[in-house]
């Protein structure tokens, strides 16, 4: 579909990335719903599993280990960056003030504090994130050699792009990229460069990175830790 467009535009990269954002959020909410239902079934099931000490098979000191093993706190949804966090991060990454051109919708609130924990993005959020990624990427490549000095040497274009993807991607994702993520961004770069040159390849990579759920959400990666 992208080959039929006169220019590699943000549409395909940004929509694809933000569909992942929506899917990620829906998945988190589905997990929460499933865990809540499971907890309800556990608390209301017969045989003393409700935790009532007077029920049949009630708890005692010897059963505490088994009861603890059955606790399931369920899934939690990753928090999305607040508007201030998003704007400050863009300044740190690109030195640009996105608030001057694109208005990201206001945050949800928890008491007196802005917080997007458990709040799925609306269609307006998605559109504004796309618009912001497009504006930011275009502004960055307008002075590409200042932002990415190795872009001035066409003889090292491939190395320049790969180093940029790994280093800048680590800052955007807030952790080193996986090989699959590197391959995705390299493919986006090659697609853009094939149609409109090196700068356009970097622009498409920036658009995609700035819509990644690993940028827009604070995702905790890792596994169980044994003591």
N, C-alpha and C. Protein backbone atom coordinates (compact mmCIF):
# COMPACT_ATOMS: atom_id res chain seq x y z
N UNK A 1 0.83 -1.19 0.00
CA UNK A 1 0.00 0.00 0.00
C UNK A 1 0.87 1.25 0.00
N UNK A 2 2.01 1.21 0.76
CA UNK A 2 2.87 2.37 0.85
C UNK A 2 3.53 2.71 -0.48
N UNK A 3 3.80 1.69 -1.31
CA UNK A 3 4.46 1.94 -2.58
C UNK A 3 3.58 2.75 -3.52
N UNK A 4 2.27 2.77 -3.31
CA UNK A 4 1.37 3.50 -4.19
C UNK A 4 1.25 4.96 -3.78
N UNK A 5 1.82 5.36 -2.67
CA UNK A 5 1.73 6.73 -2.22
C UNK A 5 2.85 7.53 -2.87
N UNK A 6 2.62 8.82 -3.23
CA UNK A 6 3.65 9.62 -3.85
C UNK A 6 4.82 9.91 -2.92
N UNK A 7 4.58 9.81 -1.62
CA UNK A 7 5.63 10.05 -0.64
C UNK A 7 5.40 9.14 0.54
N UNK A 8 6.48 8.65 1.14
CA UNK A 8 6.32 7.83 2.33
C UNK A 8 5.83 8.75 3.43
N UNK A 9 4.58 8.63 3.74
CA UNK A 9 3.89 9.52 4.66
C UNK A 9 3.76 8.84 6.01
N UNK A 10 3.45 9.62 7.00
CA UNK A 10 3.33 9.05 8.35
C UNK A 10 2.22 8.05 8.45
N UNK A 11 1.24 8.09 7.55
CA UNK A 11 0.01 7.32 7.73
C UNK A 11 0.27 5.86 8.03
N UNK A 12 1.00 5.17 7.16
CA UNK A 12 1.16 3.73 7.34
C UNK A 12 1.95 3.40 8.59
N UNK A 13 3.08 4.07 8.81
CA UNK A 13 3.90 3.77 9.97
C UNK A 13 3.22 4.13 11.27
N UNK A 14 2.62 5.33 11.32
CA UNK A 14 2.06 5.79 12.58
C UNK A 14 0.79 5.05 12.93
N UNK A 15 -0.08 4.78 11.91
CA UNK A 15 -1.31 4.05 12.21
C UNK A 15 -0.99 2.64 12.66
N UNK A 16 -0.02 2.01 11.99
CA UNK A 16 0.35 0.65 12.38
C UNK A 16 0.85 0.61 13.80
N UNK A 17 1.69 1.59 14.16
CA UNK A 17 2.21 1.61 15.52
C UNK A 17 1.13 1.89 16.53
N UNK A 18 0.23 2.82 16.22
CA UNK A 18 -0.78 3.17 17.20
C UNK A 18 -1.88 2.13 17.32
N UNK A 19 -2.05 1.32 16.29
CA UNK A 19 -2.96 0.19 16.45
C UNK A 19 -2.42 -0.74 17.52
N UNK A 20 -1.10 -0.84 17.61
CA UNK A 20 -0.50 -1.65 18.67
C UNK A 20 -0.78 -1.03 20.03
N UNK A 21 -0.75 0.32 20.09
CA UNK A 21 -1.07 0.99 21.34
C UNK A 21 -2.47 0.62 21.79
N UNK A 22 -3.44 0.70 20.85
CA UNK A 22 -4.81 0.38 21.19
C UNK A 22 -4.96 -1.08 21.59
N UNK A 23 -4.29 -1.97 20.84
CA UNK A 23 -4.38 -3.39 21.15
C UNK A 23 -3.77 -3.69 22.51
N UNK A 24 -2.66 -3.01 22.80
CA UNK A 24 -2.01 -3.20 24.10
C UNK A 24 -2.96 -2.81 25.22
N UNK A 25 -3.61 -1.66 25.05
CA UNK A 25 -4.52 -1.18 26.08
C UNK A 25 -5.71 -2.10 26.24
N UNK A 26 -6.29 -2.53 25.12
CA UNK A 26 -7.42 -3.45 25.19
C UNK A 26 -7.02 -4.73 25.87
N UNK A 27 -5.81 -5.21 25.56
CA UNK A 27 -5.34 -6.44 26.20
C UNK A 27 -5.22 -6.29 27.70
N UNK A 28 -4.73 -5.14 28.14
CA UNK A 28 -4.61 -4.91 29.57
C UNK A 28 -5.97 -4.88 30.24
N UNK A 29 -6.95 -4.23 29.58
CA UNK A 29 -8.27 -4.16 30.17
C UNK A 29 -8.94 -5.53 30.18
N UNK A 30 -8.69 -6.31 29.12
CA UNK A 30 -9.23 -7.67 29.09
C UNK A 30 -8.66 -8.48 30.23
N UNK A 31 -7.35 -8.32 30.47
CA UNK A 31 -6.72 -9.04 31.58
C UNK A 31 -7.30 -8.64 32.91
N UNK A 32 -7.56 -7.36 33.09
CA UNK A 32 -8.15 -6.90 34.34
C UNK A 32 -9.53 -7.50 34.55
N UNK A 33 -10.33 -7.51 33.45
CA UNK A 33 -11.68 -8.05 33.57
C UNK A 33 -11.67 -9.53 33.90
N UNK A 34 -10.77 -10.26 33.26
CA UNK A 34 -10.69 -11.69 33.50
C UNK A 34 -10.25 -11.99 34.93
N UNK A 35 -9.26 -11.21 35.40
CA UNK A 35 -8.79 -11.47 36.76
C UNK A 35 -9.84 -11.12 37.79
N UNK A 36 -10.61 -10.06 37.53
CA UNK A 36 -11.66 -9.68 38.46
C UNK A 36 -12.72 -10.77 38.54
N UNK A 37 -13.08 -11.32 37.37
CA UNK A 37 -14.06 -12.39 37.36
C UNK A 37 -13.54 -13.62 38.11
N UNK A 38 -12.27 -13.93 37.91
CA UNK A 38 -11.68 -15.08 38.60
C UNK A 38 -11.67 -14.87 40.10
N UNK A 39 -11.34 -13.64 40.51
CA UNK A 39 -11.33 -13.35 41.94
C UNK A 39 -12.72 -13.49 42.54
N UNK A 40 -13.75 -13.06 41.79
CA UNK A 40 -15.11 -13.16 42.29
C UNK A 40 -15.53 -14.61 42.46
N UNK A 41 -15.16 -15.43 41.46
CA UNK A 41 -15.51 -16.84 41.55
C UNK A 41 -14.82 -17.49 42.75
N UNK A 42 -13.56 -17.13 42.98
CA UNK A 42 -12.83 -17.71 44.09
C UNK A 42 -13.44 -17.33 45.42
N UNK A 43 -13.83 -16.04 45.55
CA UNK A 43 -14.34 -15.57 46.82
C UNK A 43 -15.71 -16.11 47.15
N UNK A 44 -16.48 -16.54 46.10
CA UNK A 44 -17.84 -16.98 46.35
C UNK A 44 -18.02 -18.48 46.20
N UNK A 45 -16.92 -19.21 45.92
CA UNK A 45 -17.05 -20.64 45.70
C UNK A 45 -17.22 -21.37 47.01
N UNK A 46 -17.89 -22.56 47.00
CA UNK A 46 -18.11 -23.31 48.24
C UNK A 46 -16.83 -23.97 48.72
N UNK A 47 -16.91 -24.51 49.91
CA UNK A 47 -15.77 -25.29 50.42
C UNK A 47 -14.82 -24.47 51.24
N UNK A 48 -15.25 -23.31 51.72
CA UNK A 48 -14.41 -22.54 52.61
C UNK A 48 -13.38 -21.68 51.93
N UNK A 49 -13.41 -21.48 50.57
CA UNK A 49 -12.41 -20.70 49.88
C UNK A 49 -12.68 -19.21 49.96
N UNK A 50 -13.78 -18.81 50.56
CA UNK A 50 -14.07 -17.39 50.66
C UNK A 50 -13.21 -16.68 51.69
N UNK A 51 -12.49 -17.43 52.52
CA UNK A 51 -11.67 -16.82 53.54
C UNK A 51 -12.42 -16.65 54.85
N UNK A 52 -13.67 -17.08 54.94
CA UNK A 52 -14.46 -16.98 56.17
C UNK A 52 -13.97 -18.06 57.14
N UNK A 53 -13.43 -17.69 58.31
CA UNK A 53 -12.89 -18.70 59.25
C UNK A 53 -13.94 -19.64 59.78
N UNK A 54 -15.23 -19.25 59.65
CA UNK A 54 -16.30 -20.12 60.15
C UNK A 54 -16.84 -21.05 59.09
N UNK A 55 -16.37 -20.94 57.86
CA UNK A 55 -16.91 -21.78 56.79
C UNK A 55 -16.27 -23.16 56.87
N UNK A 56 -16.88 -24.09 56.09
CA UNK A 56 -16.36 -25.46 56.09
C UNK A 56 -14.93 -25.45 55.61
N UNK A 57 -14.07 -26.17 56.33
CA UNK A 57 -12.66 -26.20 55.95
C UNK A 57 -11.99 -24.87 56.21
N UNK A 58 -12.44 -24.16 57.26
CA UNK A 58 -11.96 -22.82 57.54
C UNK A 58 -10.45 -22.77 57.68
N UNK A 59 -9.93 -21.53 57.67
CA UNK A 59 -8.47 -21.37 57.66
C UNK A 59 -7.91 -21.58 59.05
N UNK A 60 -6.69 -22.05 59.10
CA UNK A 60 -5.91 -22.09 60.31
C UNK A 60 -4.46 -21.82 59.95
N UNK A 61 -3.59 -21.86 60.94
CA UNK A 61 -2.20 -21.50 60.69
C UNK A 61 -1.57 -22.42 59.65
N UNK A 62 -1.97 -23.68 59.63
CA UNK A 62 -1.37 -24.63 58.71
C UNK A 62 -1.78 -24.41 57.28
N UNK A 63 -2.91 -23.70 57.04
CA UNK A 63 -3.39 -23.50 55.68
C UNK A 63 -2.92 -22.19 55.09
N UNK A 64 -2.20 -21.36 55.83
CA UNK A 64 -1.87 -20.01 55.35
C UNK A 64 -1.02 -20.05 54.09
N UNK A 65 -0.11 -21.02 54.00
CA UNK A 65 0.74 -21.10 52.83
C UNK A 65 -0.06 -21.40 51.58
N UNK A 66 -1.03 -22.32 51.67
CA UNK A 66 -1.86 -22.67 50.52
C UNK A 66 -2.72 -21.50 50.10
N UNK A 67 -3.27 -20.78 51.10
CA UNK A 67 -4.12 -19.63 50.77
C UNK A 67 -3.32 -18.56 50.04
N UNK A 68 -2.10 -18.29 50.52
CA UNK A 68 -1.27 -17.28 49.87
C UNK A 68 -0.92 -17.68 48.45
N UNK A 69 -0.71 -18.96 48.21
CA UNK A 69 -0.34 -19.42 46.89
C UNK A 69 -1.45 -19.22 45.88
N UNK A 70 -2.70 -19.14 46.35
CA UNK A 70 -3.83 -18.99 45.45
C UNK A 70 -4.16 -17.53 45.14
N UNK A 71 -3.49 -16.60 45.79
CA UNK A 71 -3.77 -15.19 45.56
C UNK A 71 -3.34 -14.80 44.15
N UNK A 72 -4.23 -14.15 43.44
CA UNK A 72 -3.93 -13.68 42.09
C UNK A 72 -4.32 -12.21 42.02
N UNK A 73 -3.31 -11.34 41.99
CA UNK A 73 -3.61 -9.90 41.99
C UNK A 73 -4.08 -9.42 40.63
N UNK A 74 -3.95 -10.26 39.60
CA UNK A 74 -4.44 -9.90 38.28
C UNK A 74 -3.49 -8.99 37.52
N UNK A 75 -3.91 -8.67 36.31
CA UNK A 75 -3.09 -7.82 35.44
C UNK A 75 -3.30 -6.35 35.78
N UNK A 76 -2.35 -5.53 35.42
CA UNK A 76 -2.49 -4.09 35.58
C UNK A 76 -2.16 -3.42 34.26
N UNK A 77 -2.81 -2.32 33.99
CA UNK A 77 -2.59 -1.64 32.72
C UNK A 77 -1.42 -0.66 32.86
N UNK A 78 -0.53 -0.60 31.88
CA UNK A 78 0.62 0.29 31.97
C UNK A 78 0.18 1.75 31.88
N UNK A 79 0.80 2.64 32.64
CA UNK A 79 0.42 4.05 32.57
C UNK A 79 0.94 4.72 31.30
N UNK A 80 0.10 5.52 30.69
CA UNK A 80 0.49 6.32 29.53
C UNK A 80 1.10 7.63 30.02
N UNK A 81 2.08 8.14 29.29
CA UNK A 81 2.71 9.39 29.67
C UNK A 81 1.67 10.50 29.82
N UNK A 82 1.81 11.30 30.85
CA UNK A 82 0.97 12.48 30.96
C UNK A 82 1.42 13.50 29.91
N UNK A 83 0.62 14.51 29.69
CA UNK A 83 0.97 15.53 28.70
C UNK A 83 2.31 16.18 29.06
N UNK A 84 2.51 16.50 30.33
CA UNK A 84 3.77 17.13 30.73
C UNK A 84 4.94 16.17 30.54
N UNK A 85 4.77 14.91 30.90
CA UNK A 85 5.83 13.93 30.70
C UNK A 85 6.16 13.79 29.22
N UNK A 86 5.12 13.75 28.39
CA UNK A 86 5.31 13.62 26.94
C UNK A 86 6.08 14.83 26.40
N UNK A 87 5.64 16.03 26.76
CA UNK A 87 6.28 17.24 26.25
C UNK A 87 7.73 17.35 26.73
N UNK A 88 7.96 17.05 28.00
CA UNK A 88 9.33 17.12 28.53
C UNK A 88 10.25 16.09 27.87
N UNK A 89 9.70 14.91 27.59
CA UNK A 89 10.49 13.87 26.93
C UNK A 89 10.87 14.28 25.52
N UNK A 90 9.94 14.91 24.81
CA UNK A 90 10.23 15.39 23.46
C UNK A 90 11.33 16.44 23.49
N UNK A 91 11.29 17.32 24.46
CA UNK A 91 12.36 18.32 24.59
C UNK A 91 13.70 17.63 24.82
N UNK A 92 13.73 16.62 25.68
CA UNK A 92 14.97 15.90 25.96
C UNK A 92 15.48 15.15 24.73
N UNK A 93 14.57 14.57 23.97
CA UNK A 93 14.97 13.76 22.82
C UNK A 93 15.36 14.60 21.61
N UNK A 94 14.55 15.64 21.33
CA UNK A 94 14.69 16.36 20.07
C UNK A 94 14.96 17.86 20.25
N UNK A 95 14.79 18.36 21.46
CA UNK A 95 14.97 19.79 21.67
C UNK A 95 13.85 20.62 21.06
N UNK A 96 12.67 20.03 20.88
CA UNK A 96 11.55 20.71 20.23
C UNK A 96 10.38 20.87 21.20
N UNK A 97 9.62 21.94 20.99
CA UNK A 97 8.45 22.22 21.81
C UNK A 97 7.20 21.84 21.03
N UNK A 98 6.69 20.65 21.28
CA UNK A 98 5.52 20.19 20.53
C UNK A 98 4.27 20.94 20.93
N UNK A 99 4.22 21.48 22.15
CA UNK A 99 3.03 22.17 22.64
C UNK A 99 2.72 23.40 21.79
N UNK A 100 3.73 23.94 21.11
CA UNK A 100 3.51 25.12 20.30
C UNK A 100 2.76 24.83 19.01
N UNK A 101 2.71 23.56 18.61
CA UNK A 101 2.07 23.22 17.34
C UNK A 101 0.95 22.20 17.45
N UNK A 102 1.07 21.24 18.37
CA UNK A 102 0.07 20.19 18.51
C UNK A 102 -0.37 20.11 19.97
N UNK A 103 -1.67 20.14 20.20
CA UNK A 103 -2.21 20.06 21.55
C UNK A 103 -2.66 18.63 21.85
N UNK A 104 -1.91 17.93 22.69
CA UNK A 104 -2.33 16.59 23.13
C UNK A 104 -3.49 16.76 24.10
N UNK A 105 -4.55 15.95 24.00
CA UNK A 105 -5.69 16.08 24.90
C UNK A 105 -5.29 16.00 26.37
N UNK A 106 -6.06 16.67 27.20
CA UNK A 106 -5.75 16.75 28.63
C UNK A 106 -5.75 15.37 29.28
N UNK A 107 -5.01 15.26 30.37
CA UNK A 107 -4.90 14.00 31.10
C UNK A 107 -6.15 13.73 31.93
N UNK A 108 -6.28 12.47 32.31
CA UNK A 108 -7.24 12.12 33.35
C UNK A 108 -6.68 12.60 34.67
N UNK A 109 -7.50 12.59 35.70
CA UNK A 109 -7.05 13.07 37.00
C UNK A 109 -7.36 12.06 38.08
N UNK A 110 -6.43 11.92 39.00
CA UNK A 110 -6.64 11.13 40.21
C UNK A 110 -6.44 12.10 41.38
N UNK A 111 -7.54 12.54 41.96
CA UNK A 111 -7.46 13.58 42.97
C UNK A 111 -6.96 14.86 42.33
N UNK A 112 -5.87 15.39 42.85
CA UNK A 112 -5.29 16.63 42.34
C UNK A 112 -4.18 16.38 41.32
N UNK A 113 -3.94 15.11 40.98
CA UNK A 113 -2.80 14.78 40.15
C UNK A 113 -3.23 14.27 38.78
N UNK A 114 -2.46 14.64 37.76
CA UNK A 114 -2.67 14.11 36.41
C UNK A 114 -2.15 12.68 36.37
N UNK A 115 -2.95 11.78 35.83
CA UNK A 115 -2.55 10.37 35.76
C UNK A 115 -3.37 9.67 34.69
N UNK A 116 -2.69 8.93 33.82
CA UNK A 116 -3.38 8.18 32.77
C UNK A 116 -3.34 6.69 33.01
N UNK A 117 -3.12 6.28 34.25
CA UNK A 117 -3.08 4.86 34.58
C UNK A 117 -4.45 4.25 34.30
N UNK A 118 -4.47 3.21 33.47
CA UNK A 118 -5.73 2.52 33.21
C UNK A 118 -6.67 3.26 32.30
N UNK A 119 -6.22 4.35 31.67
CA UNK A 119 -7.08 5.13 30.79
C UNK A 119 -6.69 4.86 29.33
N UNK A 120 -7.55 4.20 28.57
CA UNK A 120 -7.21 3.94 27.17
C UNK A 120 -7.23 5.22 26.36
N UNK A 121 -6.40 5.33 25.33
CA UNK A 121 -6.40 6.54 24.50
C UNK A 121 -7.68 6.62 23.68
N UNK A 122 -8.21 7.81 23.54
CA UNK A 122 -9.37 8.03 22.69
C UNK A 122 -8.91 8.16 21.24
N UNK A 123 -9.87 8.23 20.32
CA UNK A 123 -9.51 8.45 18.92
C UNK A 123 -8.80 9.78 18.75
N UNK A 124 -9.19 10.78 19.54
CA UNK A 124 -8.53 12.08 19.46
C UNK A 124 -7.08 11.98 19.92
N UNK A 125 -6.83 11.23 20.99
CA UNK A 125 -5.45 11.00 21.43
C UNK A 125 -4.62 10.40 20.28
N UNK A 126 -5.16 9.37 19.66
CA UNK A 126 -4.42 8.68 18.60
C UNK A 126 -4.12 9.62 17.45
N UNK A 127 -5.10 10.41 17.06
CA UNK A 127 -4.90 11.36 15.97
C UNK A 127 -3.83 12.40 16.33
N UNK A 128 -3.86 12.89 17.57
CA UNK A 128 -2.90 13.91 17.97
C UNK A 128 -1.49 13.33 18.11
N UNK A 129 -1.38 12.09 18.59
CA UNK A 129 -0.06 11.45 18.64
C UNK A 129 0.50 11.28 17.23
N UNK A 130 -0.36 10.92 16.28
CA UNK A 130 0.08 10.80 14.89
C UNK A 130 0.54 12.15 14.34
N UNK A 131 -0.28 13.16 14.59
CA UNK A 131 0.05 14.49 14.11
C UNK A 131 1.36 14.99 14.72
N UNK A 132 1.53 14.76 16.01
CA UNK A 132 2.75 15.19 16.69
C UNK A 132 3.98 14.48 16.12
N UNK A 133 3.87 13.17 15.90
CA UNK A 133 5.00 12.42 15.35
C UNK A 133 5.38 12.93 13.98
N UNK A 134 4.40 13.27 13.19
CA UNK A 134 4.64 13.78 11.84
C UNK A 134 5.34 15.14 11.88
N UNK A 135 4.84 16.04 12.72
CA UNK A 135 5.41 17.37 12.84
C UNK A 135 6.84 17.30 13.38
N UNK A 136 7.05 16.50 14.42
CA UNK A 136 8.36 16.39 15.04
C UNK A 136 9.40 15.79 14.11
N UNK A 137 9.01 14.75 13.40
CA UNK A 137 9.95 14.10 12.47
C UNK A 137 10.35 15.05 11.35
N UNK A 138 9.37 15.77 10.80
CA UNK A 138 9.66 16.71 9.71
C UNK A 138 10.59 17.83 10.19
N UNK A 139 10.33 18.36 11.38
CA UNK A 139 11.16 19.44 11.91
C UNK A 139 12.59 18.95 12.18
N UNK A 140 12.73 17.71 12.60
CA UNK A 140 14.06 17.17 12.91
C UNK A 140 14.89 16.99 11.65
N UNK A 141 14.32 16.40 10.62
CA UNK A 141 15.10 16.14 9.41
C UNK A 141 15.31 17.40 8.58
N UNK A 142 14.60 18.48 8.90
CA UNK A 142 14.84 19.74 8.20
C UNK A 142 16.26 20.25 8.47
N UNK A 143 16.84 19.86 9.60
CA UNK A 143 18.24 20.18 9.92
C UNK A 143 18.94 18.90 10.34
N UNK A 144 18.89 17.91 9.46
CA UNK A 144 19.30 16.56 9.81
C UNK A 144 20.77 16.46 10.19
N UNK A 145 21.64 17.20 9.50
CA UNK A 145 23.07 17.06 9.76
C UNK A 145 23.46 17.59 11.14
N UNK A 146 22.67 18.49 11.69
CA UNK A 146 22.90 18.95 13.05
C UNK A 146 22.45 17.89 14.04
N UNK A 147 21.29 17.30 13.76
CA UNK A 147 20.74 16.27 14.63
C UNK A 147 21.52 14.97 14.53
N UNK A 148 21.96 14.62 13.31
CA UNK A 148 22.65 13.36 13.05
C UNK A 148 23.85 13.66 12.15
N UNK A 149 24.98 14.05 12.71
CA UNK A 149 26.12 14.49 11.91
C UNK A 149 26.60 13.49 10.87
N UNK A 150 26.50 12.19 11.15
CA UNK A 150 26.99 11.21 10.17
C UNK A 150 26.16 11.19 8.90
N UNK A 151 25.01 11.86 8.90
CA UNK A 151 24.18 11.91 7.70
C UNK A 151 24.85 12.69 6.58
N UNK A 152 25.87 13.48 6.93
CA UNK A 152 26.57 14.28 5.92
C UNK A 152 27.45 13.43 5.02
N UNK A 153 27.78 12.22 5.42
CA UNK A 153 28.68 11.35 4.64
C UNK A 153 27.87 10.22 4.00
N UNK A 154 27.59 10.31 2.72
CA UNK A 154 26.79 9.26 2.06
C UNK A 154 27.48 7.90 2.01
N UNK A 155 28.80 7.88 2.24
CA UNK A 155 29.53 6.61 2.17
C UNK A 155 29.27 5.72 3.38
N UNK A 156 28.73 6.29 4.44
CA UNK A 156 28.47 5.48 5.65
C UNK A 156 26.98 5.52 6.01
N UNK A 157 26.14 5.68 5.00
CA UNK A 157 24.71 5.84 5.25
C UNK A 157 24.11 4.67 6.02
N UNK A 158 24.42 3.45 5.62
CA UNK A 158 23.85 2.28 6.28
C UNK A 158 24.29 2.20 7.74
N UNK A 159 25.59 2.38 7.98
CA UNK A 159 26.10 2.34 9.35
C UNK A 159 25.51 3.47 10.18
N UNK A 160 25.42 4.65 9.59
CA UNK A 160 24.85 5.81 10.26
C UNK A 160 23.43 5.52 10.72
N UNK A 161 22.62 4.98 9.83
CA UNK A 161 21.22 4.69 10.16
C UNK A 161 21.11 3.62 11.24
N UNK A 162 21.92 2.58 11.13
CA UNK A 162 21.85 1.50 12.11
C UNK A 162 22.28 1.94 13.50
N UNK A 163 23.34 2.76 13.57
CA UNK A 163 23.78 3.28 14.87
C UNK A 163 22.72 4.21 15.44
N UNK A 164 22.14 5.05 14.59
CA UNK A 164 21.08 5.95 15.04
C UNK A 164 19.90 5.17 15.61
N UNK A 165 19.47 4.13 14.91
CA UNK A 165 18.32 3.33 15.35
C UNK A 165 18.59 2.71 16.71
N UNK A 166 19.77 2.13 16.88
CA UNK A 166 20.09 1.47 18.16
C UNK A 166 20.22 2.49 19.30
N UNK A 167 20.93 3.59 19.05
CA UNK A 167 21.20 4.56 20.12
C UNK A 167 19.97 5.41 20.44
N UNK A 168 19.37 5.98 19.42
CA UNK A 168 18.20 6.83 19.66
C UNK A 168 17.00 5.98 20.08
N UNK A 169 16.88 4.78 19.51
CA UNK A 169 15.80 3.88 19.90
C UNK A 169 15.88 3.51 21.37
N UNK A 170 17.07 3.34 21.89
CA UNK A 170 17.25 3.04 23.32
C UNK A 170 16.71 4.18 24.18
N UNK A 171 16.91 5.41 23.75
CA UNK A 171 16.41 6.56 24.51
C UNK A 171 14.88 6.66 24.40
N UNK A 172 14.36 6.39 23.22
CA UNK A 172 12.91 6.48 23.01
C UNK A 172 12.19 5.39 23.81
N UNK A 173 12.69 4.16 23.74
CA UNK A 173 12.05 3.03 24.42
C UNK A 173 12.40 2.95 25.90
N UNK A 174 13.41 3.73 26.31
CA UNK A 174 13.89 3.72 27.69
C UNK A 174 14.51 2.38 28.08
N UNK A 175 14.97 1.66 27.09
CA UNK A 175 15.70 0.41 27.30
C UNK A 175 16.27 -0.02 25.94
N UNK A 176 17.28 -0.90 25.92
CA UNK A 176 17.82 -1.35 24.63
C UNK A 176 16.73 -2.02 23.78
N UNK A 177 16.81 -1.81 22.47
CA UNK A 177 15.85 -2.43 21.56
C UNK A 177 16.13 -3.92 21.43
N UNK A 178 15.08 -4.69 21.21
CA UNK A 178 15.25 -6.09 20.86
C UNK A 178 15.66 -6.17 19.39
N UNK A 179 16.12 -7.33 18.97
CA UNK A 179 16.51 -7.48 17.58
C UNK A 179 15.31 -7.32 16.66
N UNK A 180 14.15 -7.80 17.06
CA UNK A 180 12.94 -7.63 16.24
C UNK A 180 12.61 -6.16 16.06
N UNK A 181 12.77 -5.37 17.12
CA UNK A 181 12.49 -3.94 17.02
C UNK A 181 13.50 -3.25 16.10
N UNK A 182 14.77 -3.62 16.23
CA UNK A 182 15.79 -3.07 15.33
C UNK A 182 15.45 -3.39 13.88
N UNK A 183 15.07 -4.63 13.62
CA UNK A 183 14.73 -5.05 12.26
C UNK A 183 13.54 -4.26 11.72
N UNK A 184 12.55 -3.99 12.58
CA UNK A 184 11.39 -3.20 12.16
C UNK A 184 11.82 -1.81 11.74
N UNK A 185 12.63 -1.15 12.56
CA UNK A 185 13.04 0.22 12.25
C UNK A 185 13.97 0.28 11.04
N UNK A 186 14.84 -0.71 10.88
CA UNK A 186 15.70 -0.76 9.70
C UNK A 186 14.85 -0.91 8.45
N UNK A 187 13.82 -1.73 8.51
CA UNK A 187 12.93 -1.90 7.35
C UNK A 187 12.21 -0.60 7.02
N UNK A 188 11.78 0.16 8.04
CA UNK A 188 11.12 1.45 7.80
C UNK A 188 12.10 2.42 7.15
N UNK A 189 13.34 2.43 7.64
CA UNK A 189 14.35 3.31 7.06
C UNK A 189 14.59 2.96 5.60
N UNK A 190 14.76 1.69 5.31
CA UNK A 190 15.06 1.28 3.93
C UNK A 190 13.90 1.60 2.99
N UNK A 191 12.68 1.47 3.48
CA UNK A 191 11.52 1.81 2.66
C UNK A 191 11.51 3.30 2.33
N UNK A 192 11.73 4.14 3.34
CA UNK A 192 11.75 5.58 3.10
C UNK A 192 12.89 6.01 2.22
N UNK A 193 14.07 5.45 2.45
CA UNK A 193 15.23 5.83 1.65
C UNK A 193 15.05 5.41 0.19
N UNK A 194 14.47 4.25 -0.05
CA UNK A 194 14.30 3.76 -1.42
C UNK A 194 13.41 4.69 -2.24
N UNK A 195 12.49 5.37 -1.60
CA UNK A 195 11.56 6.21 -2.34
C UNK A 195 11.98 7.68 -2.38
N UNK A 196 12.56 8.18 -1.28
CA UNK A 196 12.85 9.62 -1.25
C UNK A 196 14.16 9.97 -0.57
N UNK A 197 15.08 9.02 -0.42
CA UNK A 197 16.39 9.35 0.07
C UNK A 197 16.58 9.14 1.56
N UNK A 198 17.83 9.35 1.99
CA UNK A 198 18.26 9.06 3.36
C UNK A 198 17.42 9.81 4.38
N UNK A 199 17.25 11.11 4.20
CA UNK A 199 16.52 11.92 5.19
C UNK A 199 15.10 11.42 5.37
N UNK A 200 14.48 11.02 4.28
CA UNK A 200 13.10 10.52 4.39
C UNK A 200 13.06 9.18 5.14
N UNK A 201 14.10 8.37 4.99
CA UNK A 201 14.17 7.12 5.76
C UNK A 201 14.24 7.40 7.25
N UNK A 202 15.07 8.37 7.64
CA UNK A 202 15.18 8.74 9.06
C UNK A 202 13.86 9.34 9.55
N UNK A 203 13.22 10.12 8.71
CA UNK A 203 11.94 10.73 9.09
C UNK A 203 10.89 9.65 9.38
N UNK A 204 10.85 8.63 8.55
CA UNK A 204 9.88 7.56 8.76
C UNK A 204 10.19 6.77 10.03
N UNK A 205 11.46 6.58 10.31
CA UNK A 205 11.85 5.90 11.56
C UNK A 205 11.40 6.72 12.77
N UNK A 206 11.61 8.03 12.72
CA UNK A 206 11.20 8.90 13.82
C UNK A 206 9.69 8.86 14.03
N UNK A 207 8.94 8.92 12.94
CA UNK A 207 7.49 8.86 13.05
C UNK A 207 7.04 7.58 13.73
N UNK A 208 7.67 6.48 13.37
CA UNK A 208 7.29 5.19 13.93
C UNK A 208 7.70 5.08 15.40
N UNK A 209 8.90 5.51 15.72
CA UNK A 209 9.37 5.44 17.11
C UNK A 209 8.49 6.26 18.04
N UNK A 210 8.09 7.45 17.59
CA UNK A 210 7.34 8.36 18.45
C UNK A 210 5.88 7.95 18.61
N UNK A 211 5.49 6.85 17.95
CA UNK A 211 4.15 6.30 18.16
C UNK A 211 4.18 4.91 18.77
N UNK A 212 5.37 4.46 19.09
CA UNK A 212 5.49 3.12 19.68
C UNK A 212 4.85 3.09 21.06
N UNK A 213 4.16 2.01 21.41
CA UNK A 213 3.63 1.89 22.77
C UNK A 213 4.74 1.88 23.81
N UNK A 214 5.96 1.49 23.39
CA UNK A 214 7.08 1.47 24.33
C UNK A 214 7.59 2.88 24.60
N UNK A 215 7.15 3.85 23.81
CA UNK A 215 7.43 5.25 24.08
C UNK A 215 6.27 5.91 24.81
N UNK A 216 5.05 5.70 24.34
CA UNK A 216 3.88 6.38 24.89
C UNK A 216 3.46 5.82 26.25
N UNK A 217 3.87 4.59 26.55
CA UNK A 217 3.53 3.97 27.84
C UNK A 217 4.80 3.70 28.63
N UNK A 218 4.70 3.78 29.92
CA UNK A 218 5.81 3.39 30.80
C UNK A 218 5.63 1.90 31.12
N UNK A 219 6.26 1.09 30.32
CA UNK A 219 6.08 -0.36 30.41
C UNK A 219 7.21 -0.98 31.21
N UNK A 220 6.84 -1.73 32.23
CA UNK A 220 7.84 -2.41 33.06
C UNK A 220 8.11 -3.78 32.47
N UNK A 221 9.32 -3.99 32.00
CA UNK A 221 9.69 -5.27 31.39
C UNK A 221 10.48 -6.09 32.40
N UNK A 222 10.34 -7.41 32.30
CA UNK A 222 11.11 -8.28 33.18
C UNK A 222 10.32 -9.50 33.58
N UNK A 223 10.89 -10.31 34.42
CA UNK A 223 10.24 -11.53 34.87
C UNK A 223 10.32 -11.65 36.37
N UNK A 224 9.81 -12.75 36.92
CA UNK A 224 9.86 -12.95 38.37
C UNK A 224 11.29 -12.94 38.90
N UNK A 225 11.47 -12.40 40.07
CA UNK A 225 12.77 -12.35 40.71
C UNK A 225 12.78 -13.31 41.89
N UNK A 226 13.73 -14.20 41.91
CA UNK A 226 13.84 -15.16 43.02
C UNK A 226 14.87 -14.65 44.00
N UNK A 227 14.56 -14.79 45.28
CA UNK A 227 15.48 -14.30 46.32
C UNK A 227 16.55 -15.35 46.61
